Structure formats: C-alpha cells, structure tokens
Amino acid sequence: MFNAHIEGQALKFLEKLKDAQLKKRLMDKIDELEIDPFPRNCKMVEGYEQKAFRVRVGGYRILYYVVFETQKVWVFIIDKRGVVYD
C-alpha cells in the first residue's frame, strides 16, 4: 500500500476550498490512490520531469506522481480542468 502526500499548489488549493462536499470527494480520490495508484481512469500527463498522472473528480483534476522505492504518491496539483495544465 502506498502513502499519499499532498504538496505545494495542491495543499494550498485544498486549504482554500470552501465547498466541503468537493473537498471530501477530492480527499476520497486521494485515499483511493493510496490503494491503487493507477486506477482505470488515470492518464499519463506529459511535460513534467517525472512521469505524472492525472485522475478526474468531476470538473477537477488531480495531478500526481508515484515513487515506487518509497511507496509514496505525491499529489502536486489540484485545480479545475481548464486551469490545471497551464
């Protein structure tokens, strides 16, 4: 089983988020990534130094990368679909 760590922009996004229901949905998806870091709906995202992946949560995207040596999932960006790739 993997451990999820939320860093940088993703952490700031969650701290500022006022919609409790959306925050719960995002955190539930991150918890699912701890069990299976590569769910069926994940896609690889290009343009990052490490192999980054994304999962959808409604109109939002969670971008993360996986470190197998330490069994960690690093969540580094969470934002709306149109903004997350800028």
PDB file of N, CA and C in Angstrom:
ATOM      1  N   MET A   1       0.842  -1.182   0.000  1.00  0.00           N
ATOM      2  CA  MET A   1       0.000   0.000   0.000  1.00  0.00           C
ATOM      3  C   MET A   1       0.881   1.236   0.000  1.00  0.00           C
ATOM      4  N   PHE A   2       0.441   2.256  -0.698  1.00  0.00           N
ATOM      5  CA  PHE A   2       1.187   3.496  -0.834  1.00  0.00           C
ATOM      6  C   PHE A   2       0.702   4.530   0.185  1.00  0.00           C
ATOM      7  N   ASN A   3       1.533   5.532   0.442  1.00  0.00           N
ATOM      8  CA  ASN A   3       1.153   6.665   1.275  1.00  0.00           C
ATOM      9  C   ASN A   3       1.033   7.884   0.378  1.00  0.00           C
ATOM     10  N   ALA A   4      -0.019   8.654   0.545  1.00  0.00           N
ATOM     11  CA  ALA A   4      -0.213   9.858  -0.266  1.00  0.00           C
ATOM     12  C   ALA A   4       0.305  11.074   0.498  1.00  0.00           C
ATOM     13  N   HIS A   5       1.008  11.933  -0.229  1.00  0.00           N
ATOM     14  CA  HIS A   5       1.497  13.196   0.318  1.00  0.00           C
ATOM     15  C   HIS A   5       1.022  14.306  -0.596  1.00  0.00           C
ATOM     16  N   ILE A   6       0.446  15.335   0.004  1.00  0.00           N
ATOM     17  CA  ILE A   6      -0.072  16.468  -0.749  1.00  0.00           C
ATOM     18  C   ILE A   6       0.895  17.623  -0.531  1.00  0.00           C
ATOM     19  N   GLU A   7       1.346  18.241  -1.642  1.00  0.00           N
ATOM     20  CA  GLU A   7       2.360  19.279  -1.518  1.00  0.00           C
ATOM     21  C   GLU A   7       2.024  20.489  -2.386  1.00  0.00           C
ATOM     22  N   GLY A   8       2.693  21.584  -2.111  1.00  0.00           N
ATOM     23  CA  GLY A   8       2.674  22.770  -2.945  1.00  0.00           C
ATOM     24  C   GLY A   8       1.284  23.303  -3.262  1.00  0.00           C
ATOM     25  N   GLN A   9       1.022  23.479  -4.547  1.00  0.00           N
ATOM     26  CA  GLN A   9      -0.222  24.075  -5.015  1.00  0.00           C
ATOM     27  C   GLN A   9      -1.429  23.250  -4.590  1.00  0.00           C
ATOM     28  N   ALA A  10      -1.304  21.936  -4.588  1.00  0.00           N
ATOM     29  CA  ALA A  10      -2.430  21.068  -4.223  1.00  0.00           C
ATOM     30  C   ALA A  10      -2.858  21.312  -2.779  1.00  0.00           C
ATOM     31  N   LEU A  11      -1.880  21.459  -1.888  1.00  0.00           N
ATOM     32  CA  LEU A  11      -2.182  21.703  -0.482  1.00  0.00           C
ATOM     33  C   LEU A  11      -2.856  23.064  -0.310  1.00  0.00           C
ATOM     34  N   LYS A  12      -2.356  24.072  -0.988  1.00  0.00           N
ATOM     35  CA  LYS A  12      -2.957  25.409  -0.910  1.00  0.00           C
ATOM     36  C   LYS A  12      -4.388  25.387  -1.445  1.00  0.00           C
ATOM     37  N   PHE A  13      -4.597  24.668  -2.552  1.00  0.00           N
ATOM     38  CA  PHE A  13      -5.933  24.578  -3.142  1.00  0.00           C
ATOM     39  C   PHE A  13      -6.912  23.966  -2.142  1.00  0.00           C
ATOM     40  N   LEU A  14      -6.521  22.878  -1.497  1.00  0.00           N
ATOM     41  CA  LEU A  14      -7.420  22.218  -0.540  1.00  0.00           C
ATOM     42  C   LEU A  14      -7.679  23.089   0.680  1.00  0.00           C
ATOM     43  N   GLU A  15      -6.663  23.829   1.135  1.00  0.00           N
ATOM     44  CA  GLU A  15      -6.849  24.695   2.298  1.00  0.00           C
ATOM     45  C   GLU A  15      -7.821  25.827   2.005  1.00  0.00           C
ATOM     46  N   LYS A  16      -7.802  26.361   0.782  1.00  0.00           N
ATOM     47  CA  LYS A  16      -8.670  27.479   0.418  1.00  0.00           C
ATOM     48  C   LYS A  16     -10.073  27.041   0.009  1.00  0.00           C
ATOM     49  N   LEU A  17     -10.255  25.776  -0.291  1.00  0.00           N
ATOM     50  CA  LEU A  17     -11.526  25.275  -0.801  1.00  0.00           C
ATOM     51  C   LEU A  17     -12.619  25.371   0.260  1.00  0.00           C
ATOM     52  N   LYS A  18     -13.710  26.043  -0.088  1.00  0.00           N
ATOM     53  CA  LYS A  18     -14.814  26.230   0.858  1.00  0.00           C
ATOM     54  C   LYS A  18     -15.907  25.170   0.723  1.00  0.00           C
ATOM     55  N   ASP A  19     -15.987  24.530  -0.424  1.00  0.00           N
ATOM     56  CA  ASP A  19     -17.012  23.525  -0.682  1.00  0.00           C
ATOM     57  C   ASP A  19     -16.621  22.211   0.007  1.00  0.00           C
ATOM     58  N   ALA A  20     -17.248  21.927   1.137  1.00  0.00           N
ATOM     59  CA  ALA A  20     -16.899  20.749   1.935  1.00  0.00           C
ATOM     60  C   ALA A  20     -17.159  19.449   1.180  1.00  0.00           C
ATOM     61  N   GLN A  21     -18.219  19.409   0.394  1.00  0.00           N
ATOM     62  CA  GLN A  21     -18.541  18.189  -0.347  1.00  0.00           C
ATOM     63  C   GLN A  21     -17.480  17.905  -1.414  1.00  0.00           C
ATOM     64  N   LEU A  22     -17.047  18.936  -2.128  1.00  0.00           N
ATOM     65  CA  LEU A  22     -15.999  18.764  -3.131  1.00  0.00           C
ATOM     66  C   LEU A  22     -14.681  18.363  -2.478  1.00  0.00           C
ATOM     67  N   LYS A  23     -14.370  18.980  -1.349  1.00  0.00           N
ATOM     68  CA  LYS A  23     -13.138  18.642  -0.631  1.00  0.00           C
ATOM     69  C   LYS A  23     -13.150  17.174  -0.221  1.00  0.00           C
ATOM     70  N   LYS A  24     -14.300  16.686   0.243  1.00  0.00           N
ATOM     71  CA  LYS A  24     -14.414  15.279   0.632  1.00  0.00           C
ATOM     72  C   LYS A  24     -14.224  14.373  -0.576  1.00  0.00           C
ATOM     73  N   ARG A  25     -14.809  14.742  -1.723  1.00  0.00           N
ATOM     74  CA  ARG A  25     -14.655  13.929  -2.942  1.00  0.00           C
ATOM     75  C   ARG A  25     -13.195  13.880  -3.381  1.00  0.00           C
ATOM     76  N   LEU A  26     -12.508  15.011  -3.309  1.00  0.00           N
ATOM     77  CA  LEU A  26     -11.090  15.050  -3.688  1.00  0.00           C
ATOM     78  C   LEU A  26     -10.255  14.195  -2.735  1.00  0.00           C
ATOM     79  N   MET A  27     -10.513  14.318  -1.433  1.00  0.00           N
ATOM     80  CA  MET A  27      -9.751  13.538  -0.449  1.00  0.00           C
ATOM     81  C   MET A  27     -10.055  12.044  -0.573  1.00  0.00           C
ATOM     82  N   ASP A  28     -11.290  11.695  -0.872  1.00  0.00           N
ATOM     83  CA  ASP A  28     -11.630  10.289  -1.086  1.00  0.00           C
ATOM     84  C   ASP A  28     -10.860   9.717  -2.273  1.00  0.00           C
ATOM     85  N   LYS A  29     -10.734  10.505  -3.340  1.00  0.00           N
ATOM     86  CA  LYS A  29      -9.981  10.041  -4.514  1.00  0.00           C
ATOM     87  C   LYS A  29      -8.505   9.880  -4.178  1.00  0.00           C
ATOM     88  N   ILE A  30      -7.955  10.801  -3.387  1.00  0.00           N
ATOM     89  CA  ILE A  30      -6.552  10.680  -2.974  1.00  0.00           C
ATOM     90  C   ILE A  30      -6.371   9.439  -2.109  1.00  0.00           C
ATOM     91  N   ASP A  31      -7.337   9.162  -1.239  1.00  0.00           N
ATOM     92  CA  ASP A  31      -7.279   7.939  -0.425  1.00  0.00           C
ATOM     93  C   ASP A  31      -7.304   6.690  -1.316  1.00  0.00           C
ATOM     94  N   GLU A  32      -8.092   6.734  -2.383  1.00  0.00           N
ATOM     95  CA  GLU A  32      -8.133   5.605  -3.319  1.00  0.00           C
ATOM     96  C   GLU A  32      -6.791   5.414  -4.015  1.00  0.00           C
ATOM     97  N   LEU A  33      -6.073   6.503  -4.265  1.00  0.00           N
ATOM     98  CA  LEU A  33      -4.752   6.407  -4.903  1.00  0.00           C
ATOM     99  C   LEU A  33      -3.752   5.685  -4.008  1.00  0.00           C
ATOM    100  N   GLU A  34      -3.957   5.746  -2.691  1.00  0.00           N
ATOM    101  CA  GLU A  34      -3.085   5.009  -1.778  1.00  0.00           C
ATOM    102  C   GLU A  34      -3.239   3.503  -1.976  1.00  0.00           C
ATOM    103  N   ILE A  35      -4.433   3.071  -2.304  1.00  0.00           N
ATOM    104  CA  ILE A  35      -4.699   1.646  -2.512  1.00  0.00           C
ATOM    105  C   ILE A  35      -4.273   1.219  -3.910  1.00  0.00           C
ATOM    106  N   ASP A  36      -4.652   2.012  -4.903  1.00  0.00           N
ATOM    107  CA  ASP A  36      -4.312   1.720  -6.296  1.00  0.00           C
ATOM    108  C   ASP A  36      -3.864   3.018  -6.969  1.00  0.00           C
ATOM    109  N   PRO A  37      -2.542   3.239  -7.102  1.00  0.00           N
ATOM    110  CA  PRO A  37      -2.072   4.499  -7.689  1.00  0.00           C
ATOM    111  C   PRO A  37      -2.325   4.623  -9.192  1.00  0.00           C
ATOM    112  N   PHE A  38      -2.769   3.562  -9.824  1.00  0.00           N
ATOM    113  CA  PHE A  38      -3.049   3.595 -11.260  1.00  0.00           C
ATOM    114  C   PHE A  38      -4.449   3.055 -11.545  1.00  0.00           C
ATOM    115  N   PRO A  39      -5.494   3.806 -11.143  1.00  0.00           N
ATOM    116  CA  PRO A  39      -6.853   3.338 -11.416  1.00  0.00           C
ATOM    117  C   PRO A  39      -7.145   3.352 -12.910  1.00  0.00           C
ATOM    118  N   ARG A  40      -8.238   2.754 -13.296  1.00  0.00           N
ATOM    119  CA  ARG A  40      -8.587   2.633 -14.721  1.00  0.00           C
ATOM    120  C   ARG A  40      -8.701   3.979 -15.416  1.00  0.00           C
ATOM    121  N   ASN A  41      -9.155   4.992 -14.711  1.00  0.00           N
ATOM    122  CA  ASN A  41      -9.379   6.280 -15.361  1.00  0.00           C
ATOM    123  C   ASN A  41      -8.176   7.227 -15.287  1.00  0.00           C
ATOM    124  N   CYS A  42      -7.011   6.760 -14.855  1.00  0.00           N
ATOM    125  CA  CYS A  42      -5.847   7.645 -14.800  1.00  0.00           C
ATOM    126  C   CYS A  42      -5.222   7.755 -16.186  1.00  0.00           C
ATOM    127  N   LYS A  43      -4.639   8.900 -16.441  1.00  0.00           N
ATOM    128  CA  LYS A  43      -3.965   9.150 -17.711  1.00  0.00           C
ATOM    129  C   LYS A  43      -2.581   9.713 -17.412  1.00  0.00           C
ATOM    130  N   MET A  44      -1.619   9.384 -18.263  1.00  0.00           N
ATOM    131  CA  MET A  44      -0.292   9.951 -18.122  1.00  0.00           C
ATOM    132  C   MET A  44      -0.301  11.367 -18.694  1.00  0.00           C
ATOM    133  N   VAL A  45       0.384  12.282 -18.020  1.00  0.00           N
ATOM    134  CA  VAL A  45       0.450  13.678 -18.434  1.00  0.00           C
ATOM    135  C   VAL A  45       1.891  13.988 -18.819  1.00  0.00           C
ATOM    136  N   GLU A  46       2.078  14.586 -19.988  1.00  0.00           N
ATOM    137  CA  GLU A  46       3.419  14.920 -20.447  1.00  0.00           C
ATOM    138  C   GLU A  46       3.780  16.339 -20.040  1.00  0.00           C
ATOM    139  N   GLY A  47       5.081  16.646 -20.056  1.00  0.00           N
ATOM    140  CA  GLY A  47       5.547  17.991 -19.779  1.00  0.00           C
ATOM    141  C   GLY A  47       6.106  18.179 -18.384  1.00  0.00           C
ATOM    142  N   TYR A  48       6.288  17.102 -17.639  1.00  0.00           N
ATOM    143  CA  TYR A  48       6.842  17.181 -16.294  1.00  0.00           C
ATOM    144  C   TYR A  48       8.107  16.331 -16.236  1.00  0.00           C
ATOM    145  N   GLU A  49       9.007  16.657 -15.297  1.00  0.00           N
ATOM    146  CA  GLU A  49      10.274  15.932 -15.189  1.00  0.00           C
ATOM    147  C   GLU A  49      10.051  14.452 -14.889  1.00  0.00           C
ATOM    148  N   GLN A  50       9.148  14.171 -13.962  1.00  0.00           N
ATOM    149  CA  GLN A  50       8.837  12.790 -13.624  1.00  0.00           C
ATOM    150  C   GLN A  50       7.576  12.376 -14.363  1.00  0.00           C
ATOM    151  N   LYS A  51       7.333  11.074 -14.412  1.00  0.00           N
ATOM    152  CA  LYS A  51       6.096  10.590 -15.030  1.00  0.00           C
ATOM    153  C   LYS A  51       4.934  11.004 -14.153  1.00  0.00           C
ATOM    154  N   ALA A  52       4.128  11.920 -14.667  1.00  0.00           N
ATOM    155  CA  ALA A  52       2.982  12.428 -13.922  1.00  0.00           C
ATOM    156  C   ALA A  52       1.708  11.803 -14.476  1.00  0.00           C
ATOM    157  N   PHE A  53       0.747  11.644 -13.598  1.00  0.00           N
ATOM    158  CA  PHE A  53      -0.541  11.070 -13.966  1.00  0.00           C
ATOM    159  C   PHE A  53      -1.638  11.995 -13.466  1.00  0.00           C
ATOM    160  N   ARG A  54      -2.841  11.828 -14.031  1.00  0.00           N
ATOM    161  CA  ARG A  54      -3.969  12.615 -13.570  1.00  0.00           C
ATOM    162  C   ARG A  54      -5.197  11.737 -13.455  1.00  0.00           C
ATOM    163  N   VAL A  55      -6.028  12.098 -12.494  1.00  0.00           N
ATOM    164  CA  VAL A  55      -7.334  11.468 -12.340  1.00  0.00           C
ATOM    165  C   VAL A  55      -8.377  12.583 -12.287  1.00  0.00           C
ATOM    166  N   ARG A  56      -9.572  12.255 -12.725  1.00  0.00           N
ATOM    167  CA  ARG A  56     -10.676  13.204 -12.749  1.00  0.00           C
ATOM    168  C   ARG A  56     -11.537  13.063 -11.506  1.00  0.00           C
ATOM    169  N   VAL A  57     -11.993  14.207 -11.025  1.00  0.00           N
ATOM    170  CA  VAL A  57     -13.010  14.252  -9.981  1.00  0.00           C
ATOM    171  C   VAL A  57     -13.986  15.327 -10.433  1.00  0.00           C
ATOM    172  N   GLY A  58     -14.992  14.930 -11.179  1.00  0.00           N
ATOM    173  CA  GLY A  58     -15.931  15.890 -11.762  1.00  0.00           C
ATOM    174  C   GLY A  58     -15.196  16.806 -12.727  1.00  0.00           C
ATOM    175  N   GLY A  59     -15.313  18.113 -12.520  1.00  0.00           N
ATOM    176  CA  GLY A  59     -14.633  19.088 -13.367  1.00  0.00           C
ATOM    177  C   GLY A  59     -13.238  19.431 -12.903  1.00  0.00           C
ATOM    178  N   TYR A  60     -12.727  18.700 -11.934  1.00  0.00           N
ATOM    179  CA  TYR A  60     -11.403  18.967 -11.372  1.00  0.00           C
ATOM    180  C   TYR A  60     -10.437  17.838 -11.740  1.00  0.00           C
ATOM    181  N   ARG A  61      -9.149  18.160 -11.685  1.00  0.00           N
ATOM    182  CA  ARG A  61      -8.102  17.179 -11.977  1.00  0.00           C
ATOM    183  C   ARG A  61      -7.115  17.138 -10.820  1.00  0.00           C
ATOM    184  N   ILE A  62      -6.646  15.932 -10.510  1.00  0.00           N
ATOM    185  CA  ILE A  62      -5.590  15.726  -9.518  1.00  0.00           C
ATOM    186  C   ILE A  62      -4.377  15.225 -10.279  1.00  0.00           C
ATOM    187  N   LEU A  63      -3.269  15.957 -10.213  1.00  0.00           N
ATOM    188  CA  LEU A  63      -2.024  15.533 -10.853  1.00  0.00           C
ATOM    189  C   LEU A  63      -1.087  15.001  -9.785  1.00  0.00           C
ATOM    190  N   TYR A  64      -0.437  13.871 -10.080  1.00  0.00           N
ATOM    191  CA  TYR A  64       0.405  13.222  -9.092  1.00  0.00           C
ATOM    192  C   TYR A  64       1.481  12.395  -9.781  1.00  0.00           C
ATOM    193  N   TYR A  65       2.496  12.031  -9.011  1.00  0.00           N
ATOM    194  CA  TYR A  65       3.484  11.074  -9.486  1.00  0.00           C
ATOM    195  C   TYR A  65       3.727  10.048  -8.399  1.00  0.00           C
ATOM    196  N   VAL A  66       4.244   8.903  -8.805  1.00  0.00           N
ATOM    197  CA  VAL A  66       4.408   7.764  -7.893  1.00  0.00           C
ATOM    198  C   VAL A  66       5.890   7.444  -7.759  1.00  0.00           C
ATOM    199  N   VAL A  67       6.337   7.264  -6.516  1.00  0.00           N
ATOM    200  CA  VAL A  67       7.716   6.851  -6.237  1.00  0.00           C
ATOM    201  C   VAL A  67       7.650   5.447  -5.642  1.00  0.00           C
ATOM    202  N   PHE A  68       8.067   4.457  -6.436  1.00  0.00           N
ATOM    203  CA  PHE A  68       7.948   3.067  -6.003  1.00  0.00           C
ATOM    204  C   PHE A  68       8.921   2.712  -4.884  1.00  0.00           C
ATOM    205  N   GLU A  69      10.122   3.308  -4.905  1.00  0.00           N
ATOM    206  CA  GLU A  69      11.127   2.976  -3.899  1.00  0.00           C
ATOM    207  C   GLU A  69      10.643   3.283  -2.483  1.00  0.00           C
ATOM    208  N   THR A  70       9.901   4.390  -2.336  1.00  0.00           N
ATOM    209  CA  THR A  70       9.416   4.784  -1.018  1.00  0.00           C
ATOM    210  C   THR A  70       7.924   4.502  -0.826  1.00  0.00           C
ATOM    211  N   GLN A  71       7.269   3.935  -1.858  1.00  0.00           N
ATOM    212  CA  GLN A  71       5.847   3.612  -1.801  1.00  0.00           C
ATOM    213  C   GLN A  71       5.006   4.857  -1.487  1.00  0.00           C
ATOM    214  N   LYS A  72       5.288   5.963  -2.217  1.00  0.00           N
ATOM    215  CA  LYS A  72       4.566   7.211  -1.988  1.00  0.00           C
ATOM    216  C   LYS A  72       3.920   7.720  -3.265  1.00  0.00           C
ATOM    217  N   VAL A  73       2.759   8.324  -3.089  1.00  0.00           N
ATOM    218  CA  VAL A  73       2.052   9.024  -4.158  1.00  0.00           C
ATOM    219  C   VAL A  73       2.119  10.509  -3.800  1.00  0.00           C
ATOM    220  N   TRP A  74       2.765  11.303  -4.647  1.00  0.00           N
ATOM    221  CA  TRP A  74       2.928  12.734  -4.409  1.00  0.00           C
ATOM    222  C   TRP A  74       1.907  13.502  -5.237  1.00  0.00           C
ATOM    223  N   VAL A  75       0.936  14.105  -4.588  1.00  0.00           N
ATOM    224  CA  VAL A  75      -0.069  14.933  -5.256  1.00  0.00           C
ATOM    225  C   VAL A  75       0.480  16.348  -5.292  1.00  0.00           C
ATOM    226  N   PHE A  76       0.671  16.908  -6.509  1.00  0.00           N
ATOM    227  CA  PHE A  76       1.297  18.220  -6.582  1.00  0.00           C
ATOM    228  C   PHE A  76       0.415  19.305  -7.192  1.00  0.00           C
ATOM    229  N   ILE A  77      -0.644  18.945  -7.902  1.00  0.00           N
ATOM    230  CA  ILE A  77      -1.568  19.956  -8.427  1.00  0.00           C
ATOM    231  C   ILE A  77      -2.999  19.431  -8.349  1.00  0.00           C
ATOM    232  N   ILE A  78      -3.894  20.284  -7.863  1.00  0.00           N
ATOM    233  CA  ILE A  78      -5.339  20.049  -7.931  1.00  0.00           C
ATOM    234  C   ILE A  78      -5.949  21.355  -8.413  1.00  0.00           C
ATOM    235  N   ASP A  79      -6.743  21.291  -9.455  1.00  0.00           N
ATOM    236  CA  ASP A  79      -7.397  22.505  -9.947  1.00  0.00           C
ATOM    237  C   ASP A  79      -8.484  22.136 -10.948  1.00  0.00           C
ATOM    238  N   LYS A  80      -9.172  23.157 -11.442  1.00  0.00           N
ATOM    239  CA  LYS A  80     -10.212  22.943 -12.446  1.00  0.00           C
ATOM    240  C   LYS A  80      -9.591  22.445 -13.741  1.00  0.00           C
ATOM    241  N   ARG A  81     -10.370  21.760 -14.511  1.00  0.00           N
ATOM    242  CA  ARG A  81      -9.906  21.134 -15.743  1.00  0.00           C
ATOM    243  C   ARG A  81      -9.208  22.117 -16.671  1.00  0.00           C
ATOM    244  N   GLY A  82      -9.766  23.289 -16.888  1.00  0.00           N
ATOM    245  CA  GLY A  82      -9.194  24.240 -17.831  1.00  0.00           C
ATOM    246  C   GLY A  82      -7.948  24.944 -17.336  1.00  0.00           C
ATOM    247  N   VAL A  83      -7.702  24.924 -16.037  1.00  0.00           N
ATOM    248  CA  VAL A  83      -6.595  25.665 -15.437  1.00  0.00           C
ATOM    249  C   VAL A  83      -5.417  24.774 -15.104  1.00  0.00           C
ATOM    250  N   VAL A  84      -5.658  23.523 -14.837  1.00  0.00           N
ATOM    251  CA  VAL A  84      -4.647  22.631 -14.281  1.00  0.00           C
ATOM    252  C   VAL A  84      -3.437  22.444 -15.194  1.00  0.00           C
ATOM    253  N   TYR A  85      -3.591  22.545 -16.501  1.00  0.00           N
ATOM    254  CA  TYR A  85      -2.493  22.272 -17.408  1.00  0.00           C
ATOM    255  C   TYR A  85      -1.714  23.530 -17.819  1.00  0.00           C
ATOM    256  N   ASP A  86      -2.099  24.704 -17.294  1.00  0.00           N
ATOM    257  CA  ASP A  86      -1.400  25.944 -17.635  1.00  0.00           C
ATOM    258  C   ASP A  86      -0.067  26.056 -16.942  1.00  0.00           C
TER     259      ASP A  86
END
